[in-house]
C-alpha atoms as a PDB file:
ATOM      1  CA  MET A   1     119.666  70.615  61.872  1.00  0.00           C
ATOM      2  CA  SER A   2     117.469  71.931  64.644  1.00  0.00           C
ATOM      3  CA  VAL A   3     113.742  71.490  64.698  1.00  0.00           C
ATOM      4  CA  PRO A   4     111.825  74.744  65.086  1.00  0.00           C
ATOM      5  CA  ARG A   5     110.131  74.925  68.449  1.00  0.00           C
ATOM      6  CA  VAL A   6     106.470  75.838  68.339  1.00  0.00           C
ATOM      7  CA  LYS A   7     104.570  76.758  71.463  1.00  0.00           C
ATOM      8  CA  ARG A   8     100.955  75.757  71.637  1.00  0.00           C
ATOM      9  CA  ARG A   9      98.673  78.083  73.533  1.00  0.00           C
ATOM     10  CA  PHE A  10      95.645  76.619  75.279  1.00  0.00           C
ATOM     11  CA  THR A  11      92.243  78.237  75.504  1.00  0.00           C
ATOM     12  CA  VAL A  12      90.288  78.472  78.738  1.00  0.00           C
ATOM     13  CA  ASP A  13      87.825  75.917  77.346  1.00  0.00           C
ATOM     14  CA  GLU A  14      90.648  73.443  76.588  1.00  0.00           C
ATOM     15  CA  TYR A  15      92.086  74.077  80.045  1.00  0.00           C
ATOM     16  CA  HIS A  16      88.720  73.181  81.616  1.00  0.00           C
ATOM     17  CA  ARG A  17      88.466  70.059  79.441  1.00  0.00           C
ATOM     18  CA  MET A  18      91.865  68.968  80.819  1.00  0.00           C
ATOM     19  CA  VAL A  19      90.330  69.052  84.301  1.00  0.00           C
ATOM     20  CA  GLN A  20      87.260  67.128  83.119  1.00  0.00           C
ATOM     21  CA  ALA A  21      89.503  64.512  81.464  1.00  0.00           C
ATOM     22  CA  GLY A  22      91.598  64.114  84.628  1.00  0.00           C
ATOM     23  CA  ILE A  23      94.786  65.514  83.064  1.00  0.00           C
ATOM     24  CA  LEU A  24      94.659  68.288  85.648  1.00  0.00           C
ATOM     25  CA  SER A  25      92.877  68.051  88.974  1.00  0.00           C
ATOM     26  CA  GLU A  26      91.186  70.770  90.979  1.00  0.00           C
ATOM     27  CA  ASP A  27      93.974  70.309  93.530  1.00  0.00           C
ATOM     28  CA  ASP A  28      96.724  71.154  91.024  1.00  0.00           C
ATOM     29  CA  ARG A  29      98.147  74.588  91.833  1.00  0.00           C
ATOM     30  CA  VAL A  30      98.073  75.935  88.288  1.00  0.00           C
ATOM     31  CA  GLU A  31      96.518  78.817  86.401  1.00  0.00           C
ATOM     32  CA  LEU A  32      96.191  79.690  82.738  1.00  0.00           C
ATOM     33  CA  ILE A  33      98.115  82.841  81.765  1.00  0.00           C
ATOM     34  CA  GLU A  34      98.092  83.904  78.118  1.00  0.00           C
ATOM     35  CA  GLY A  35      97.612  80.324  76.941  1.00  0.00           C
ATOM     36  CA  GLU A  36     100.295  78.783  79.162  1.00  0.00           C
ATOM     37  CA  ILE A  37      99.579  76.556  82.130  1.00  0.00           C
ATOM     38  CA  ILE A  38     101.665  78.048  84.918  1.00  0.00           C
ATOM     39  CA  GLU A  39     102.446  76.264  88.163  1.00  0.00           C
ATOM     40  CA  MET A  40     101.730  78.499  91.120  1.00  0.00           C
ATOM     41  CA  VAL A  41     104.270  78.985  93.908  1.00  0.00           C
ATOM     42  CA  PRO A  42     103.375  77.210  97.183  1.00  0.00           C
ATOM     43  CA  ILE A  43     101.718  79.483  99.734  1.00  0.00           C
ATOM     44  CA  GLY A  44     103.937  80.367 102.693  1.00  0.00           C
ATOM     45  CA  SER A  45     102.682  81.246 106.170  1.00  0.00           C
ATOM     46  CA  ARG A  46     103.161  85.036 105.768  1.00  0.00           C
ATOM     47  CA  HIS A  47     101.253  84.924 102.466  1.00  0.00           C
ATOM     48  CA  ALA A  48      98.415  82.876 104.004  1.00  0.00           C
ATOM     49  CA  ALA A  49      98.210  85.177 107.037  1.00  0.00           C
ATOM     50  CA  CYS A  50      98.025  88.253 104.792  1.00  0.00           C
ATOM     51  CA  VAL A  51      95.229  86.709 102.705  1.00  0.00           C
ATOM     52  CA  ASN A  52      93.341  85.745 105.884  1.00  0.00           C
ATOM     53  CA  ARG A  53      93.732  89.261 107.307  1.00  0.00           C
ATOM     54  CA  LEU A  54      92.522  90.842 104.055  1.00  0.00           C
ATOM     55  CA  ASN A  55      89.624  88.396 103.919  1.00  0.00           C
ATOM     56  CA  ARG A  56      88.520  89.565 107.336  1.00  0.00           C
ATOM     57  CA  LEU A  57      88.934  93.285 106.547  1.00  0.00           C
ATOM     58  CA  LEU A  58      87.352  93.215 103.084  1.00  0.00           C
ATOM     59  CA  SER A  59      84.382  91.171 104.261  1.00  0.00           C
ATOM     60  CA  ARG A  60      83.200  94.470 105.791  1.00  0.00           C
ATOM     61  CA  ALA A  61      81.986  95.331 102.274  1.00  0.00           C
ATOM     62  CA  GLY A  62      79.067  93.095 103.210  1.00  0.00           C
ATOM     63  CA  ASP A  63      76.343  92.581 100.622  1.00  0.00           C
ATOM     64  CA  ARG A  64      77.833  95.264  98.348  1.00  0.00           C
ATOM     65  CA  ALA A  65      80.350  92.753  96.961  1.00  0.00           C
ATOM     66  CA  ILE A  66      81.241  89.074  96.851  1.00  0.00           C
ATOM     67  CA  LEU A  67      84.649  88.413  98.368  1.00  0.00           C
ATOM     68  CA  SER A  68      86.336  85.728  96.279  1.00  0.00           C
ATOM     69  CA  VAL A  69      89.426  84.024  97.727  1.00  0.00           C
ATOM     70  CA  GLN A  70      91.901  82.320  95.366  1.00  0.00           C
ATOM     71  CA  ASN A  71      89.239  81.614  92.737  1.00  0.00           C
ATOM     72  CA  PRO A  72      89.500  81.966  88.944  1.00  0.00           C
ATOM     73  CA  ILE A  73      88.626  85.028  86.912  1.00  0.00           C
ATOM     74  CA  ARG A  74      88.179  84.561  83.176  1.00  0.00           C
ATOM     75  CA  LEU A  75      90.034  87.468  81.572  1.00  0.00           C
ATOM     76  CA  SER A  76      90.031  86.283  77.959  1.00  0.00           C
ATOM     77  CA  ALA A  77      89.914  83.172  75.799  1.00  0.00           C
ATOM     78  CA  HIS A  78      93.506  82.396  76.895  1.00  0.00           C
ATOM     79  CA  SER A  79      93.773  83.645  80.499  1.00  0.00           C
ATOM     80  CA  GLU A  80      92.123  82.509  83.701  1.00  0.00           C
ATOM     81  CA  PRO A  81      94.302  83.535  86.660  1.00  0.00           C
ATOM     82  CA  GLN A  82      93.482  82.844  90.289  1.00  0.00           C
ATOM     83  CA  PRO A  83      94.157  86.042  92.244  1.00  0.00           C
ATOM     84  CA  ASP A  84      94.550  85.809  95.986  1.00  0.00           C
ATOM     85  CA  LEU A  85      91.459  87.950  96.534  1.00  0.00           C
ATOM     86  CA  ALA A  86      88.880  89.710  94.428  1.00  0.00           C
ATOM     87  CA  LEU A  87      85.899  91.872  95.212  1.00  0.00           C
ATOM     88  CA  LEU A  88      83.163  91.031  92.715  1.00  0.00           C
ATOM     89  CA  LEU A  89      79.902  92.666  91.790  1.00  0.00           C
ATOM     90  CA  PRO A  90      77.158  90.891  93.721  1.00  0.00           C
ATOM     91  CA  ARG A  91      75.109  88.345  91.784  1.00  0.00           C
ATOM     92  CA  GLN A  92      72.299  86.204  93.108  1.00  0.00           C
ATOM     93  CA  ASP A  93      73.805  83.052  91.581  1.00  0.00           C
ATOM     94  CA  PHE A  94      77.288  83.755  93.076  1.00  0.00           C
ATOM     95  CA  TYR A  95      78.717  83.070  89.584  1.00  0.00           C
ATOM     96  CA  VAL A  96      77.557  79.444  89.414  1.00  0.00           C
ATOM     97  CA  SER A  97      76.847  79.956  85.700  1.00  0.00           C
ATOM     98  CA  GLY A  98      80.493  80.814  84.991  1.00  0.00           C
ATOM     99  CA  HIS A  99      83.597  82.411  86.423  1.00  0.00           C
ATOM    100  CA  PRO A 100      83.489  86.192  86.704  1.00  0.00           C
ATOM    101  CA  GLY A 101      84.959  88.283  83.902  1.00  0.00           C
ATOM    102  CA  PRO A 102      86.781  91.617  84.061  1.00  0.00           C
ATOM    103  CA  GLU A 103      83.505  93.540  84.038  1.00  0.00           C
ATOM    104  CA  ASP A 104      82.503  91.772  87.278  1.00  0.00           C
ATOM    105  CA  VAL A 105      85.681  92.628  89.207  1.00  0.00           C
ATOM    106  CA  LEU A 106      85.784  95.700  91.438  1.00  0.00           C
ATOM    107  CA  LEU A 107      89.230  94.952  92.898  1.00  0.00           C
ATOM    108  CA  VAL A 108      91.793  92.202  92.447  1.00  0.00           C
ATOM    109  CA  ILE A 109      94.606  91.575  94.949  1.00  0.00           C
ATOM    110  CA  GLU A 110      97.813  89.603  94.534  1.00  0.00           C
ATOM    111  CA  VAL A 111      99.994  88.845  97.566  1.00  0.00           C
ATOM    112  CA  SER A 112     103.668  88.153  96.965  1.00  0.00           C
ATOM    113  CA  GLU A 113     105.898  86.733  99.669  1.00  0.00           C
ATOM    114  CA  THR A 114     109.026  87.514  97.638  1.00  0.00           C
ATOM    115  CA  SER A 115     109.827  90.448  95.361  1.00  0.00           C
ATOM    116  CA  GLY A 116     106.522  90.295  93.448  1.00  0.00           C
ATOM    117  CA  GLY A 117     108.308  89.795  90.088  1.00  0.00           C
ATOM    118  CA  PRO A 118     105.915  87.526  88.150  1.00  0.00           C
ATOM    119  CA  ASP A 119     102.845  89.162  89.684  1.00  0.00           C
ATOM    120  CA  ARG A 120     104.169  92.665  88.968  1.00  0.00           C
ATOM    121  CA  GLU A 121     105.538  91.898  85.500  1.00  0.00           C
ATOM    122  CA  VAL A 122     102.893  89.487  84.170  1.00  0.00           C
ATOM    123  CA  LYS A 123      99.654  89.370  86.119  1.00  0.00           C
ATOM    124  CA  ILE A 124      99.168  93.040  87.023  1.00  0.00           C
ATOM    125  CA  PRO A 125      99.607  94.231  83.387  1.00  0.00           C
ATOM    126  CA  LEU A 126      97.311  91.383  82.291  1.00  0.00           C
ATOM    127  CA  TYR A 127      94.599  92.628  84.673  1.00  0.00           C
ATOM    128  CA  GLY A 128      95.010  96.164  83.321  1.00  0.00           C
ATOM    129  CA  ARG A 129      94.821  95.095  79.679  1.00  0.00           C
ATOM    130  CA  ALA A 130      91.664  93.109  80.503  1.00  0.00           C
ATOM    131  CA  GLY A 131      90.069  96.258  81.942  1.00  0.00           C
ATOM    132  CA  ILE A 132      89.962  95.385  85.641  1.00  0.00           C
ATOM    133  CA  ARG A 133      89.472  98.772  87.240  1.00  0.00           C
ATOM    134  CA  GLU A 134      91.770  98.341  90.251  1.00  0.00           C
ATOM    135  CA  ALA A 135      94.525  95.936  91.264  1.00  0.00           C
ATOM    136  CA  TRP A 136      96.618  95.759  94.402  1.00  0.00           C
ATOM    137  CA  LEU A 137      99.976  94.020  94.741  1.00  0.00           C
ATOM    138  CA  ILE A 138     101.096  93.385  98.287  1.00  0.00           C
ATOM    139  CA  ASP A 139     104.851  92.854  98.364  1.00  0.00           C
ATOM    140  CA  LEU A 140     105.486  91.292 101.770  1.00  0.00           C
ATOM    141  CA  GLU A 141     109.272  91.310 101.368  1.00  0.00           C
ATOM    142  CA  GLY A 142     109.400  94.987 100.397  1.00  0.00           C
ATOM    143  CA  GLU A 143     106.626  95.875 102.875  1.00  0.00           C
ATOM    144  CA  VAL A 144     104.764  97.878 100.262  1.00  0.00           C
ATOM    145  CA  LEU A 145     101.271  97.922  98.793  1.00  0.00           C
ATOM    146  CA  GLU A 146     101.205  98.927  95.131  1.00  0.00           C
ATOM    147  CA  VAL A 147      97.852 100.238  93.921  1.00  0.00           C
ATOM    148  CA  TYR A 148      97.120 100.144  90.185  1.00  0.00           C
ATOM    149  CA  ARG A 149      94.266 102.167  88.709  1.00  0.00           C
ATOM    150  CA  ARG A 150      93.096 103.485  85.311  1.00  0.00           C
ATOM    151  CA  PRO A 151      93.369 100.305  83.210  1.00  0.00           C
ATOM    152  CA  SER A 152      94.430 100.589  79.571  1.00  0.00           C
ATOM    153  CA  SER A 153      95.726  98.468  76.720  1.00  0.00           C
ATOM    154  CA  GLU A 154      99.229  99.024  78.158  1.00  0.00           C
ATOM    155  CA  GLY A 155      98.385  97.927  81.721  1.00  0.00           C
ATOM    156  CA  TYR A 156      97.593 100.644  84.263  1.00  0.00           C
ATOM    157  CA  GLY A 157      97.919 104.400  83.912  1.00  0.00           C
ATOM    158  CA  GLU A 158      98.214 105.135  87.620  1.00  0.00           C
ATOM    159  CA  VAL A 159     100.478 103.392  90.123  1.00  0.00           C
ATOM    160  CA  ARG A 160     100.871 104.453  93.755  1.00  0.00           C
ATOM    161  CA  SER A 161     102.827 102.862  96.577  1.00  0.00           C
ATOM    162  CA  PHE A 162     101.735 102.770 100.196  1.00  0.00           C
ATOM    163  CA  ARG A 163     103.864 101.851 103.209  1.00  0.00           C
ATOM    164  CA  ARG A 164     103.134 100.442 106.645  1.00  0.00           C
ATOM    165  CA  GLY A 165     100.756 102.657 108.619  1.00  0.00           C
ATOM    166  CA  GLU A 166      99.328 104.522 105.624  1.00  0.00           C
ATOM    167  CA  ARG A 167      95.636 104.216 104.843  1.00  0.00           C
ATOM    168  CA  ILE A 168      93.976 103.065 101.614  1.00  0.00           C
ATOM    169  CA  SER A 169      90.435 102.481 100.380  1.00  0.00           C
ATOM    170  CA  PRO A 170      89.310 100.548  97.311  1.00  0.00           C
ATOM    171  CA  GLU A 171      87.925 102.950  94.708  1.00  0.00           C
ATOM    172  CA  ALA A 172      84.646 101.041  94.686  1.00  0.00           C
ATOM    173  CA  PHE A 173      84.284 101.443  98.473  1.00  0.00           C
ATOM    174  CA  PRO A 174      85.797 104.740  99.665  1.00  0.00           C
ATOM    175  CA  ASP A 175      84.179 104.197 103.059  1.00  0.00           C
ATOM    176  CA  LEU A 176      86.141 100.944 103.555  1.00  0.00           C
ATOM    177  CA  THR A 177      89.482 102.243 104.845  1.00  0.00           C
ATOM    178  CA  LEU A 178      92.327  99.831 105.550  1.00  0.00           C
ATOM    179  CA  SER A 179      95.634 100.434 107.259  1.00  0.00           C
ATOM    180  CA  VAL A 180      98.643  99.094 105.345  1.00  0.00           C
END
């Protein structure tokens, strides 16, 4: 006789209490995705260099946005991913009162050193369902930037791919043009 397996989903509040209790530490490379605590892949040198380059380029948004690097975004009661980069609406308290929510996010960026599978199949649709207006997936292996716009309950209604040398601007900042 087999015992039925039941998965227990955690809430963001329970996830934070695990940190407070010392079960998880701030140094653990984990994020909460749809109630599951997911271990994040170690960051390789190409991934880190891409994030650093984007940090430098997107900081040109200046006071019009807060550039958040590998920090949590609270999407729902059961999801708090840590995207590689996010452009947030400016707030005087810099979100000290709580992690930003979907309504605070102008752009979220995930960098994938491999094929982008989990980011493309799990996180990008999650961002769309949460209502984040724009998401970028940088697939370093495939040398492509995928731009997701028009969020919906299904994910994103618009997906475009850009290759090396093409130019792109975040919807929130059309004057901030980046070369892929």
